[in-house]
């Protein structure tokens, strides 16, 4: 013992022993990041479905205004474009819902939407290829399997934590978008 009466008392640190993970927890921990990626793709498909639906409503409004009493409402080309937009909207919604819920059947609509997006060269090609990889790689097949659904039910306490830098990047992108939206057309016009 020390002669200093003001010295803090010595404390022995007690560390709790690490609890070993169960098999289900180990499997889910190994696939958690991939699971989050598939759910994010599902959210983007939902967002795409909403944007296509808004485009479809706008297209119908434009055709309604353009129609005169002497013209037919819509030509065959117009109906085919609207039919394609409805099919894309439904496909993206179904794929998004299935991927968000990690349903095994979501592989098919997710792959179809990804394959269609590959037509939009170069960005759509890269994103579509990445989505196909996420769905059909070994981790993707595991995450989109019935056995993994049971693992998720056994381990509801495990959650993916998004890194802080992604939230910062998202905030910067949103602020840039809002800045362009509000201040993009403010430049004075010269007459």
N, C-alpha and C. Protein backbone atom coordinates (compact mmCIF):
# COMPACT_ATOMS: atom_id res chain seq x y z
N UNK A 1 0.83 -1.17 0.00
CA UNK A 1 0.00 0.00 0.00
C UNK A 1 0.87 1.24 0.00
N UNK A 2 0.38 2.28 -0.66
CA UNK A 2 1.14 3.51 -0.79
C UNK A 2 0.87 4.42 0.41
N UNK A 3 1.80 5.33 0.64
CA UNK A 3 1.63 6.30 1.72
C UNK A 3 0.79 7.49 1.27
N UNK A 4 0.42 7.56 -0.02
CA UNK A 4 -0.35 8.69 -0.53
C UNK A 4 -1.83 8.47 -0.23
N UNK A 5 -2.44 9.30 0.60
CA UNK A 5 -3.86 9.10 0.93
C UNK A 5 -4.80 9.51 -0.22
N UNK A 6 -4.28 10.23 -1.21
CA UNK A 6 -5.13 10.70 -2.31
C UNK A 6 -5.06 9.81 -3.56
N UNK A 7 -4.32 8.77 -3.48
CA UNK A 7 -4.18 7.85 -4.62
C UNK A 7 -5.48 7.05 -4.81
N UNK A 8 -5.87 6.92 -6.06
CA UNK A 8 -7.08 6.15 -6.37
C UNK A 8 -6.86 4.69 -6.00
N UNK A 9 -7.90 4.04 -5.53
CA UNK A 9 -7.73 2.64 -5.16
C UNK A 9 -7.50 1.78 -6.40
N UNK A 10 -6.75 0.74 -6.23
CA UNK A 10 -6.45 -0.18 -7.33
C UNK A 10 -7.68 -1.04 -7.59
N UNK A 11 -8.00 -1.19 -8.87
CA UNK A 11 -9.16 -1.97 -9.26
C UNK A 11 -8.70 -3.08 -10.19
N UNK A 12 -9.19 -4.26 -9.94
CA UNK A 12 -8.87 -5.36 -10.85
C UNK A 12 -9.96 -5.41 -11.91
N UNK A 13 -9.51 -5.42 -13.16
CA UNK A 13 -10.46 -5.46 -14.26
C UNK A 13 -10.95 -6.88 -14.46
N UNK A 14 -12.28 -7.01 -14.55
CA UNK A 14 -12.88 -8.31 -14.77
C UNK A 14 -13.50 -8.29 -16.17
N UNK A 15 -13.06 -9.19 -17.00
CA UNK A 15 -13.58 -9.27 -18.36
C UNK A 15 -14.46 -10.51 -18.46
N UNK A 16 -15.67 -10.28 -18.95
CA UNK A 16 -16.58 -11.41 -19.11
C UNK A 16 -16.09 -12.29 -20.25
N UNK A 17 -16.19 -13.59 -20.08
CA UNK A 17 -15.74 -14.47 -21.16
C UNK A 17 -16.65 -14.33 -22.37
N UNK A 18 -16.05 -14.41 -23.54
CA UNK A 18 -16.81 -14.28 -24.78
C UNK A 18 -17.72 -15.49 -24.95
N UNK A 19 -18.96 -15.20 -25.30
CA UNK A 19 -19.93 -16.27 -25.50
C UNK A 19 -19.77 -16.75 -26.94
N UNK A 20 -19.56 -18.03 -27.13
CA UNK A 20 -19.40 -18.51 -28.50
C UNK A 20 -20.71 -18.38 -29.28
N UNK A 21 -20.57 -18.08 -30.56
CA UNK A 21 -21.73 -17.93 -31.43
C UNK A 21 -22.33 -19.29 -31.73
N UNK A 22 -23.64 -19.32 -31.85
CA UNK A 22 -24.29 -20.55 -32.29
C UNK A 22 -24.04 -20.69 -33.79
N UNK A 23 -24.37 -21.84 -34.33
CA UNK A 23 -24.18 -22.06 -35.76
C UNK A 23 -24.99 -21.07 -36.59
N UNK A 24 -26.23 -20.83 -36.18
CA UNK A 24 -27.08 -19.89 -36.92
C UNK A 24 -26.51 -18.48 -36.86
N UNK A 25 -26.02 -18.07 -35.70
CA UNK A 25 -25.43 -16.73 -35.56
C UNK A 25 -24.17 -16.61 -36.40
N UNK A 26 -23.37 -17.66 -36.44
CA UNK A 26 -22.14 -17.61 -37.24
C UNK A 26 -22.46 -17.49 -38.72
N UNK A 27 -23.43 -18.25 -39.19
CA UNK A 27 -23.81 -18.19 -40.61
C UNK A 27 -24.39 -16.82 -40.94
N UNK A 28 -25.26 -16.32 -40.09
CA UNK A 28 -25.88 -15.02 -40.37
C UNK A 28 -24.86 -13.90 -40.31
N UNK A 29 -23.94 -13.96 -39.37
CA UNK A 29 -22.90 -12.94 -39.27
C UNK A 29 -22.03 -12.93 -40.53
N UNK A 30 -21.75 -14.10 -41.05
CA UNK A 30 -20.93 -14.22 -42.26
C UNK A 30 -21.64 -13.63 -43.48
N UNK A 31 -22.99 -13.71 -43.52
CA UNK A 31 -23.75 -13.29 -44.70
C UNK A 31 -24.51 -11.97 -44.49
N UNK A 32 -24.31 -11.31 -43.37
CA UNK A 32 -25.10 -10.12 -43.04
C UNK A 32 -24.89 -8.98 -44.03
N UNK A 33 -23.66 -8.75 -44.46
CA UNK A 33 -23.38 -7.67 -45.40
C UNK A 33 -24.03 -7.96 -46.76
N UNK A 34 -23.99 -9.20 -47.19
CA UNK A 34 -24.61 -9.58 -48.46
C UNK A 34 -26.13 -9.44 -48.37
N UNK A 35 -26.67 -9.82 -47.24
CA UNK A 35 -28.11 -9.67 -47.00
C UNK A 35 -28.51 -8.20 -47.11
N UNK A 36 -27.71 -7.31 -46.51
CA UNK A 36 -27.99 -5.87 -46.58
C UNK A 36 -27.90 -5.36 -48.01
N UNK A 37 -26.97 -5.88 -48.79
CA UNK A 37 -26.84 -5.46 -50.19
C UNK A 37 -28.06 -5.88 -51.00
N UNK A 38 -28.54 -7.09 -50.80
CA UNK A 38 -29.74 -7.54 -51.51
C UNK A 38 -30.97 -6.73 -51.11
N UNK A 39 -31.08 -6.41 -49.83
CA UNK A 39 -32.20 -5.59 -49.39
C UNK A 39 -32.12 -4.18 -49.96
N UNK A 40 -30.91 -3.65 -50.10
CA UNK A 40 -30.74 -2.32 -50.70
C UNK A 40 -31.14 -2.34 -52.18
N UNK A 41 -30.79 -3.40 -52.89
CA UNK A 41 -31.22 -3.53 -54.29
C UNK A 41 -32.74 -3.61 -54.35
N UNK A 42 -33.36 -4.32 -53.41
CA UNK A 42 -34.82 -4.38 -53.35
C UNK A 42 -35.43 -3.00 -53.14
N UNK A 43 -34.81 -2.19 -52.28
CA UNK A 43 -35.30 -0.83 -52.08
C UNK A 43 -35.17 -0.01 -53.35
N UNK A 44 -34.06 -0.16 -54.06
CA UNK A 44 -33.87 0.58 -55.31
C UNK A 44 -34.89 0.13 -56.36
N UNK A 45 -35.23 -1.14 -56.38
CA UNK A 45 -36.27 -1.61 -57.30
C UNK A 45 -37.63 -0.99 -56.93
N UNK A 46 -37.93 -0.89 -55.63
CA UNK A 46 -39.15 -0.21 -55.20
C UNK A 46 -39.15 1.24 -55.69
N UNK A 47 -38.03 1.92 -55.50
CA UNK A 47 -37.91 3.31 -55.93
C UNK A 47 -38.10 3.42 -57.44
N UNK A 48 -37.51 2.50 -58.19
CA UNK A 48 -37.69 2.48 -59.64
C UNK A 48 -39.14 2.26 -60.03
N UNK A 49 -39.84 1.38 -59.31
CA UNK A 49 -41.25 1.14 -59.60
C UNK A 49 -42.07 2.40 -59.37
N UNK A 50 -41.77 3.13 -58.31
CA UNK A 50 -42.49 4.38 -58.04
C UNK A 50 -42.22 5.40 -59.14
N UNK A 51 -40.97 5.53 -59.56
CA UNK A 51 -40.64 6.49 -60.62
C UNK A 51 -41.29 6.13 -61.94
N UNK A 52 -41.34 4.85 -62.26
CA UNK A 52 -42.00 4.42 -63.50
C UNK A 52 -43.50 4.69 -63.40
N UNK A 53 -44.09 4.45 -62.24
CA UNK A 53 -45.52 4.72 -62.06
C UNK A 53 -45.82 6.21 -62.22
N UNK A 54 -44.96 7.06 -61.66
CA UNK A 54 -45.15 8.51 -61.81
C UNK A 54 -44.99 8.90 -63.28
N UNK A 55 -44.02 8.31 -63.96
CA UNK A 55 -43.84 8.58 -65.39
C UNK A 55 -45.07 8.15 -66.18
N UNK A 56 -45.62 7.03 -65.83
CA UNK A 56 -46.81 6.52 -66.52
C UNK A 56 -48.00 7.46 -66.32
N UNK A 57 -48.18 7.95 -65.10
CA UNK A 57 -49.27 8.90 -64.84
C UNK A 57 -49.04 10.19 -65.62
N UNK A 58 -47.80 10.65 -65.66
CA UNK A 58 -47.49 11.86 -66.43
C UNK A 58 -47.73 11.66 -67.91
N UNK A 59 -47.37 10.50 -68.42
CA UNK A 59 -47.57 10.19 -69.83
C UNK A 59 -49.06 10.16 -70.18
N UNK A 60 -49.85 9.58 -69.31
CA UNK A 60 -51.29 9.54 -69.52
C UNK A 60 -51.87 10.97 -69.49
N UNK A 61 -51.37 11.81 -68.58
CA UNK A 61 -51.85 13.19 -68.50
C UNK A 61 -51.50 13.96 -69.77
N UNK A 62 -50.29 13.75 -70.29
CA UNK A 62 -49.87 14.43 -71.52
C UNK A 62 -50.72 13.99 -72.68
N UNK A 63 -50.96 12.69 -72.81
CA UNK A 63 -51.80 12.20 -73.91
C UNK A 63 -53.23 12.70 -73.77
N UNK A 64 -53.71 12.85 -72.56
CA UNK A 64 -55.06 13.38 -72.36
C UNK A 64 -55.18 14.82 -72.80
N UNK A 65 -54.14 15.61 -72.60
CA UNK A 65 -54.16 17.01 -73.02
C UNK A 65 -53.97 17.15 -74.53
N UNK A 66 -53.18 16.25 -75.12
CA UNK A 66 -52.90 16.36 -76.55
C UNK A 66 -54.08 15.90 -77.40
N UNK A 67 -54.93 15.13 -76.84
CA UNK A 67 -56.04 14.56 -77.60
C UNK A 67 -57.06 15.64 -77.94
N UNK A 68 -57.44 15.64 -79.17
CA UNK A 68 -58.52 16.54 -79.59
C UNK A 68 -59.70 15.68 -80.01
N UNK A 69 -60.78 16.30 -80.29
CA UNK A 69 -61.98 15.53 -80.62
C UNK A 69 -61.85 14.80 -81.96
N UNK A 70 -60.95 15.28 -82.84
CA UNK A 70 -60.84 14.64 -84.15
C UNK A 70 -59.80 13.51 -84.16
N UNK A 71 -58.97 13.45 -83.13
CA UNK A 71 -57.92 12.42 -83.09
C UNK A 71 -58.38 11.23 -82.26
N UNK A 72 -57.80 10.09 -82.56
CA UNK A 72 -58.03 8.95 -81.68
C UNK A 72 -57.19 9.15 -80.43
N UNK A 73 -57.61 8.57 -79.35
CA UNK A 73 -56.94 8.81 -78.06
C UNK A 73 -55.49 8.35 -78.09
N UNK A 74 -55.26 7.12 -78.39
CA UNK A 74 -53.90 6.58 -78.38
C UNK A 74 -53.71 5.65 -79.57
N UNK A 75 -52.54 5.74 -80.17
CA UNK A 75 -52.20 4.84 -81.27
C UNK A 75 -51.66 3.53 -80.73
N UNK A 76 -51.39 2.59 -81.63
CA UNK A 76 -50.89 1.28 -81.19
C UNK A 76 -49.51 1.40 -80.56
N UNK A 77 -48.68 2.31 -81.07
CA UNK A 77 -47.35 2.52 -80.49
C UNK A 77 -47.48 3.04 -79.06
N UNK A 78 -48.39 3.95 -78.84
CA UNK A 78 -48.59 4.52 -77.52
C UNK A 78 -49.04 3.46 -76.52
N UNK A 79 -49.94 2.59 -76.95
CA UNK A 79 -50.41 1.51 -76.08
C UNK A 79 -49.28 0.56 -75.74
N UNK A 80 -48.41 0.28 -76.71
CA UNK A 80 -47.30 -0.65 -76.44
C UNK A 80 -46.31 -0.03 -75.46
N UNK A 81 -46.07 1.29 -75.57
CA UNK A 81 -45.17 1.96 -74.62
C UNK A 81 -45.78 1.92 -73.22
N UNK A 82 -47.05 2.21 -73.12
CA UNK A 82 -47.69 2.18 -71.80
C UNK A 82 -47.74 0.77 -71.23
N UNK A 83 -47.98 -0.22 -72.09
CA UNK A 83 -47.96 -1.61 -71.62
C UNK A 83 -46.59 -2.02 -71.11
N UNK A 84 -45.53 -1.58 -71.81
CA UNK A 84 -44.17 -1.88 -71.37
C UNK A 84 -43.88 -1.20 -70.03
N UNK A 85 -44.33 0.05 -69.88
CA UNK A 85 -44.12 0.75 -68.61
C UNK A 85 -44.86 0.06 -67.45
N UNK A 86 -46.06 -0.39 -67.70
CA UNK A 86 -46.81 -1.11 -66.66
C UNK A 86 -46.09 -2.40 -66.29
N UNK A 87 -45.60 -3.14 -67.29
CA UNK A 87 -44.89 -4.39 -67.03
C UNK A 87 -43.60 -4.14 -66.24
N UNK A 88 -42.87 -3.08 -66.60
CA UNK A 88 -41.64 -2.74 -65.88
C UNK A 88 -41.97 -2.36 -64.44
N UNK A 89 -43.02 -1.57 -64.27
CA UNK A 89 -43.41 -1.14 -62.92
C UNK A 89 -43.77 -2.35 -62.05
N UNK A 90 -44.57 -3.25 -62.57
CA UNK A 90 -44.97 -4.43 -61.82
C UNK A 90 -43.76 -5.32 -61.54
N UNK A 91 -42.90 -5.51 -62.54
CA UNK A 91 -41.70 -6.34 -62.36
C UNK A 91 -40.78 -5.79 -61.29
N UNK A 92 -40.55 -4.47 -61.32
CA UNK A 92 -39.68 -3.87 -60.30
C UNK A 92 -40.31 -3.96 -58.92
N UNK A 93 -41.62 -3.77 -58.84
CA UNK A 93 -42.27 -3.86 -57.53
C UNK A 93 -42.17 -5.26 -56.96
N UNK A 94 -42.46 -6.27 -57.78
CA UNK A 94 -42.40 -7.67 -57.32
C UNK A 94 -40.97 -8.05 -56.94
N UNK A 95 -40.00 -7.67 -57.78
CA UNK A 95 -38.60 -7.98 -57.47
C UNK A 95 -38.14 -7.26 -56.21
N UNK A 96 -38.53 -6.01 -56.06
CA UNK A 96 -38.15 -5.25 -54.87
C UNK A 96 -38.74 -5.84 -53.61
N UNK A 97 -40.02 -6.23 -53.66
CA UNK A 97 -40.65 -6.82 -52.48
C UNK A 97 -39.99 -8.14 -52.12
N UNK A 98 -39.74 -8.97 -53.12
CA UNK A 98 -39.11 -10.27 -52.86
C UNK A 98 -37.70 -10.14 -52.31
N UNK A 99 -36.91 -9.20 -52.85
CA UNK A 99 -35.55 -9.03 -52.36
C UNK A 99 -35.53 -8.41 -50.97
N UNK A 100 -36.44 -7.48 -50.69
CA UNK A 100 -36.50 -6.89 -49.35
C UNK A 100 -36.84 -7.93 -48.30
N UNK A 101 -37.68 -8.90 -48.66
CA UNK A 101 -38.09 -9.95 -47.73
C UNK A 101 -37.18 -11.18 -47.83
N UNK A 102 -36.20 -11.15 -48.71
CA UNK A 102 -35.26 -12.27 -48.92
C UNK A 102 -35.98 -13.56 -49.28
N UNK A 103 -36.95 -13.48 -50.14
CA UNK A 103 -37.70 -14.65 -50.59
C UNK A 103 -36.92 -15.40 -51.66
N UNK A 104 -36.92 -16.73 -51.62
CA UNK A 104 -36.19 -17.51 -52.62
C UNK A 104 -36.67 -17.27 -54.05
N UNK A 105 -37.96 -17.03 -54.26
CA UNK A 105 -38.48 -16.82 -55.61
C UNK A 105 -38.06 -15.48 -56.19
N UNK A 106 -37.48 -14.58 -55.37
CA UNK A 106 -37.09 -13.25 -55.84
C UNK A 106 -35.93 -13.29 -56.81
N UNK A 107 -35.25 -14.44 -56.89
CA UNK A 107 -34.13 -14.55 -57.84
C UNK A 107 -34.59 -14.32 -59.27
N UNK A 108 -35.76 -14.87 -59.63
CA UNK A 108 -36.22 -14.81 -61.02
C UNK A 108 -36.62 -13.38 -61.41
N UNK A 109 -37.55 -12.71 -60.70
CA UNK A 109 -37.87 -11.34 -61.12
C UNK A 109 -36.69 -10.38 -60.94
N UNK A 110 -35.87 -10.60 -59.92
CA UNK A 110 -34.69 -9.75 -59.73
C UNK A 110 -33.71 -9.89 -60.89
N UNK A 111 -33.51 -11.11 -61.35
CA UNK A 111 -32.62 -11.34 -62.48
C UNK A 111 -33.20 -10.77 -63.77
N UNK A 112 -34.53 -10.88 -63.95
CA UNK A 112 -35.15 -10.32 -65.15
C UNK A 112 -35.02 -8.80 -65.19
N UNK A 113 -35.27 -8.14 -64.08
CA UNK A 113 -35.14 -6.68 -64.04
C UNK A 113 -33.68 -6.27 -64.24
N UNK A 114 -32.75 -7.02 -63.66
CA UNK A 114 -31.33 -6.72 -63.84
C UNK A 114 -30.92 -6.92 -65.30
N UNK A 115 -31.43 -7.97 -65.92
CA UNK A 115 -31.09 -8.22 -67.33
C UNK A 115 -31.65 -7.13 -68.23
N UNK A 116 -32.85 -6.67 -67.94
CA UNK A 116 -33.42 -5.57 -68.74
C UNK A 116 -32.63 -4.29 -68.54
N UNK A 117 -32.16 -4.05 -67.32
CA UNK A 117 -31.38 -2.83 -67.07
C UNK A 117 -30.02 -2.86 -67.76
N UNK A 118 -29.55 -4.05 -68.12
CA UNK A 118 -28.25 -4.14 -68.80
C UNK A 118 -28.29 -3.55 -70.21
N UNK A 119 -29.49 -3.32 -70.74
CA UNK A 119 -29.62 -2.70 -72.05
C UNK A 119 -29.13 -1.25 -72.01
N UNK A 120 -29.29 -0.60 -70.87
CA UNK A 120 -28.93 0.81 -70.74
C UNK A 120 -27.42 0.94 -70.52
N UNK A 121 -26.67 0.88 -71.59
CA UNK A 121 -25.22 0.94 -71.56
C UNK A 121 -24.77 2.36 -71.23
N UNK A 122 -23.74 2.58 -70.46
CA UNK A 122 -22.85 1.71 -69.71
C UNK A 122 -23.26 1.52 -68.26
N UNK A 123 -24.00 2.49 -67.69
CA UNK A 123 -24.31 2.42 -66.25
C UNK A 123 -25.24 1.25 -65.96
N UNK A 124 -26.29 1.08 -66.74
CA UNK A 124 -27.23 -0.01 -66.52
C UNK A 124 -26.58 -1.36 -66.66
N UNK A 125 -25.61 -1.46 -67.57
CA UNK A 125 -24.90 -2.72 -67.77
C UNK A 125 -24.10 -3.09 -66.52
N UNK A 126 -23.40 -2.11 -65.97
CA UNK A 126 -22.58 -2.37 -64.78
C UNK A 126 -23.47 -2.71 -63.59
N UNK A 127 -24.53 -1.93 -63.38
CA UNK A 127 -25.41 -2.17 -62.24
C UNK A 127 -26.13 -3.51 -62.40
N UNK A 128 -26.62 -3.80 -63.62
CA UNK A 128 -27.30 -5.08 -63.86
C UNK A 128 -26.39 -6.27 -63.62
N UNK A 129 -25.14 -6.16 -64.08
CA UNK A 129 -24.18 -7.24 -63.85
C UNK A 129 -23.91 -7.43 -62.36
N UNK A 130 -23.81 -6.32 -61.63
CA UNK A 130 -23.57 -6.40 -60.19
C UNK A 130 -24.76 -7.06 -59.48
N UNK A 131 -25.98 -6.70 -59.87
CA UNK A 131 -27.17 -7.29 -59.25
C UNK A 131 -27.22 -8.79 -59.55
N UNK A 132 -26.92 -9.17 -60.78
CA UNK A 132 -26.89 -10.60 -61.12
C UNK A 132 -25.84 -11.33 -60.28
N UNK A 133 -24.69 -10.69 -60.09
CA UNK A 133 -23.66 -11.29 -59.23
C UNK A 133 -24.19 -11.45 -57.80
N UNK A 134 -24.83 -10.39 -57.26
CA UNK A 134 -25.34 -10.47 -55.89
C UNK A 134 -26.36 -11.60 -55.73
N UNK A 135 -27.18 -11.80 -56.75
CA UNK A 135 -28.23 -12.81 -56.64
C UNK A 135 -27.68 -14.22 -56.80
N UNK A 136 -26.75 -14.43 -57.74
CA UNK A 136 -26.36 -15.79 -58.10
C UNK A 136 -24.99 -16.23 -57.58
N UNK A 137 -24.27 -15.38 -56.85
CA UNK A 137 -23.01 -15.83 -56.26
C UNK A 137 -23.34 -16.79 -55.11
N UNK A 138 -22.37 -17.54 -54.60
CA UNK A 138 -22.67 -18.49 -53.51
C UNK A 138 -23.35 -17.85 -52.29
N UNK A 139 -22.91 -16.66 -51.89
CA UNK A 139 -23.55 -16.01 -50.75
C UNK A 139 -24.98 -15.60 -51.08
N UNK A 140 -25.21 -15.15 -52.31
CA UNK A 140 -26.55 -14.77 -52.73
C UNK A 140 -27.50 -15.96 -52.74
N UNK A 141 -27.00 -17.09 -53.24
CA UNK A 141 -27.85 -18.29 -53.24
C UNK A 141 -28.15 -18.73 -51.82
N UNK A 142 -27.20 -18.55 -50.91
CA UNK A 142 -27.43 -18.92 -49.50
C UNK A 142 -28.46 -17.99 -48.87
N UNK A 143 -28.29 -16.67 -49.08
CA UNK A 143 -29.18 -15.70 -48.46
C UNK A 143 -30.60 -15.84 -49.00
N UNK A 144 -30.74 -16.20 -50.27
CA UNK A 144 -32.07 -16.35 -50.87
C UNK A 144 -32.53 -17.81 -50.86
N UNK A 145 -32.24 -18.51 -49.78
CA UNK A 145 -32.66 -19.91 -49.67
C UNK A 145 -33.63 -20.06 -48.50
N UNK A 146 -34.47 -21.10 -48.53
CA UNK A 146 -35.40 -21.32 -47.40
C UNK A 146 -34.68 -21.59 -46.09
N UNK A 147 -33.53 -22.24 -46.14
CA UNK A 147 -32.78 -22.53 -44.92
C UNK A 147 -32.30 -21.23 -44.25
N UNK A 148 -31.92 -20.25 -45.07
CA UNK A 148 -31.47 -18.98 -44.50
C UNK A 148 -32.63 -18.21 -43.87
N UNK A 149 -33.82 -18.39 -44.41
CA UNK A 149 -35.00 -17.74 -43.80
C UNK A 149 -35.20 -18.26 -42.37
N UNK A 150 -34.95 -19.53 -42.15
CA UNK A 150 -35.04 -20.09 -40.80
C UNK A 150 -33.96 -19.51 -39.90
N UNK A 151 -32.76 -19.31 -40.46
CA UNK A 151 -31.67 -18.72 -39.68
C UNK A 151 -32.02 -17.29 -39.28
N UNK A 152 -32.61 -16.53 -40.20
CA UNK A 152 -33.03 -15.16 -39.89
C UNK A 152 -34.07 -15.17 -38.77
N UNK A 153 -35.00 -16.12 -38.81
CA UNK A 153 -36.02 -16.21 -37.77
C UNK A 153 -35.40 -16.56 -36.40
N UNK A 154 -34.30 -17.32 -36.40
CA UNK A 154 -33.64 -17.70 -35.15
C UNK A 154 -32.76 -16.58 -34.60
N UNK A 155 -32.34 -15.65 -35.45
CA UNK A 155 -31.39 -14.62 -35.02
C UNK A 155 -31.91 -13.21 -35.32
N UNK A 156 -33.04 -12.82 -34.77
CA UNK A 156 -33.56 -11.48 -35.06
C UNK A 156 -32.73 -10.36 -34.42
N UNK A 157 -31.89 -10.70 -33.46
CA UNK A 157 -31.08 -9.70 -32.77
C UNK A 157 -29.89 -9.24 -33.59
N UNK A 158 -29.54 -9.95 -34.65
CA UNK A 158 -28.41 -9.55 -35.49
C UNK A 158 -28.89 -8.57 -36.54
N UNK A 159 -28.22 -7.45 -36.64
CA UNK A 159 -28.56 -6.41 -37.61
C UNK A 159 -27.28 -5.89 -38.26
N UNK A 160 -27.43 -5.48 -39.52
CA UNK A 160 -26.31 -4.87 -40.22
C UNK A 160 -26.26 -3.39 -39.86
N UNK A 161 -25.09 -2.92 -39.51
CA UNK A 161 -24.92 -1.51 -39.19
C UNK A 161 -24.22 -0.84 -40.36
N UNK A 162 -24.90 0.13 -40.97
CA UNK A 162 -24.34 0.85 -42.10
C UNK A 162 -23.18 1.72 -41.62
N UNK A 163 -22.05 1.65 -42.33
CA UNK A 163 -20.90 2.47 -41.92
C UNK A 163 -21.24 3.96 -41.96
N UNK A 164 -20.62 4.71 -41.09
CA UNK A 164 -20.89 6.14 -40.97
C UNK A 164 -20.56 6.90 -42.25
N UNK A 165 -19.51 6.49 -42.95
CA UNK A 165 -19.12 7.22 -44.16
C UNK A 165 -20.18 7.12 -45.26
N UNK A 166 -20.97 6.05 -45.27
CA UNK A 166 -22.03 5.93 -46.26
C UNK A 166 -23.13 6.94 -45.95
N UNK A 167 -23.46 7.13 -44.67
CA UNK A 167 -24.46 8.12 -44.31
C UNK A 167 -23.99 9.53 -44.66
N UNK A 168 -22.71 9.81 -44.45
CA UNK A 168 -22.15 11.11 -44.80
C UNK A 168 -22.21 11.32 -46.31
N UNK A 169 -21.83 10.30 -47.08
CA UNK A 169 -21.90 10.38 -48.54
C UNK A 169 -23.33 10.60 -49.01
N UNK A 170 -24.28 9.89 -48.41
CA UNK A 170 -25.69 10.06 -48.77
C UNK A 170 -26.16 11.49 -48.48
N UNK A 171 -25.76 12.05 -47.34
CA UNK A 171 -26.15 13.42 -46.99
C UNK A 171 -25.57 14.41 -48.00
N UNK A 172 -24.32 14.21 -48.41
CA UNK A 172 -23.70 15.10 -49.40
C UNK A 172 -24.44 15.02 -50.73
N UNK A 173 -24.78 13.81 -51.18
CA UNK A 173 -25.50 13.64 -52.44
C UNK A 173 -26.87 14.30 -52.37
N UNK A 174 -27.58 14.12 -51.27
CA UNK A 174 -28.91 14.74 -51.12
C UNK A 174 -28.79 16.25 -51.12
N UNK A 175 -27.80 16.78 -50.42
CA UNK A 175 -27.61 18.23 -50.39
C UNK A 175 -27.25 18.78 -51.77
N UNK A 176 -26.41 18.06 -52.51
CA UNK A 176 -26.08 18.48 -53.87
C UNK A 176 -27.32 18.45 -54.76
N UNK A 177 -28.12 17.41 -54.64
CA UNK A 177 -29.34 17.31 -55.43
C UNK A 177 -30.30 18.45 -55.10
N UNK A 178 -30.49 18.71 -53.80
CA UNK A 178 -31.38 19.80 -53.41
C UNK A 178 -30.84 21.15 -53.87
N UNK A 179 -29.51 21.33 -53.82
CA UNK A 179 -28.91 22.56 -54.30
C UNK A 179 -29.15 22.76 -55.79
N UNK A 180 -28.99 21.69 -56.56
CA UNK A 180 -29.25 21.79 -57.99
C UNK A 180 -30.73 22.02 -58.27
N UNK A 181 -31.56 21.40 -57.47
CA UNK A 181 -33.00 21.54 -57.67
C UNK A 181 -33.47 22.96 -57.39
N UNK A 182 -33.00 23.55 -56.30
CA UNK A 182 -33.46 24.88 -55.91
C UNK A 182 -32.68 26.03 -56.53
N UNK A 183 -31.38 25.83 -56.74
CA UNK A 183 -30.55 26.94 -57.22
C UNK A 183 -30.04 26.73 -58.65
N UNK A 184 -30.44 25.66 -59.29
CA UNK A 184 -29.95 25.37 -60.64
C UNK A 184 -30.45 26.34 -61.69
N UNK A 185 -31.66 26.84 -61.56
CA UNK A 185 -32.23 27.72 -62.57
C UNK A 185 -32.28 29.17 -62.13
N UNK A 186 -31.43 29.59 -61.19
CA UNK A 186 -31.49 30.93 -60.65
C UNK A 186 -30.62 31.92 -61.43
N UNK A 187 -29.79 31.42 -62.32
CA UNK A 187 -28.87 32.31 -63.06
C UNK A 187 -29.68 33.38 -63.81
N UNK A 188 -29.23 34.63 -63.75
CA UNK A 188 -29.97 35.70 -64.42
C UNK A 188 -29.92 35.51 -65.94
N UNK A 189 -31.03 35.82 -66.58
CA UNK A 189 -31.06 35.69 -68.03
C UNK A 189 -30.63 36.99 -68.67
N UNK A 190 -29.94 36.87 -69.78
CA UNK A 190 -29.48 38.06 -70.51
C UNK A 190 -30.40 38.30 -71.69
N UNK A 191 -30.88 39.46 -71.78
CA UNK A 191 -31.76 39.79 -72.91
C UNK A 191 -31.17 40.89 -73.74
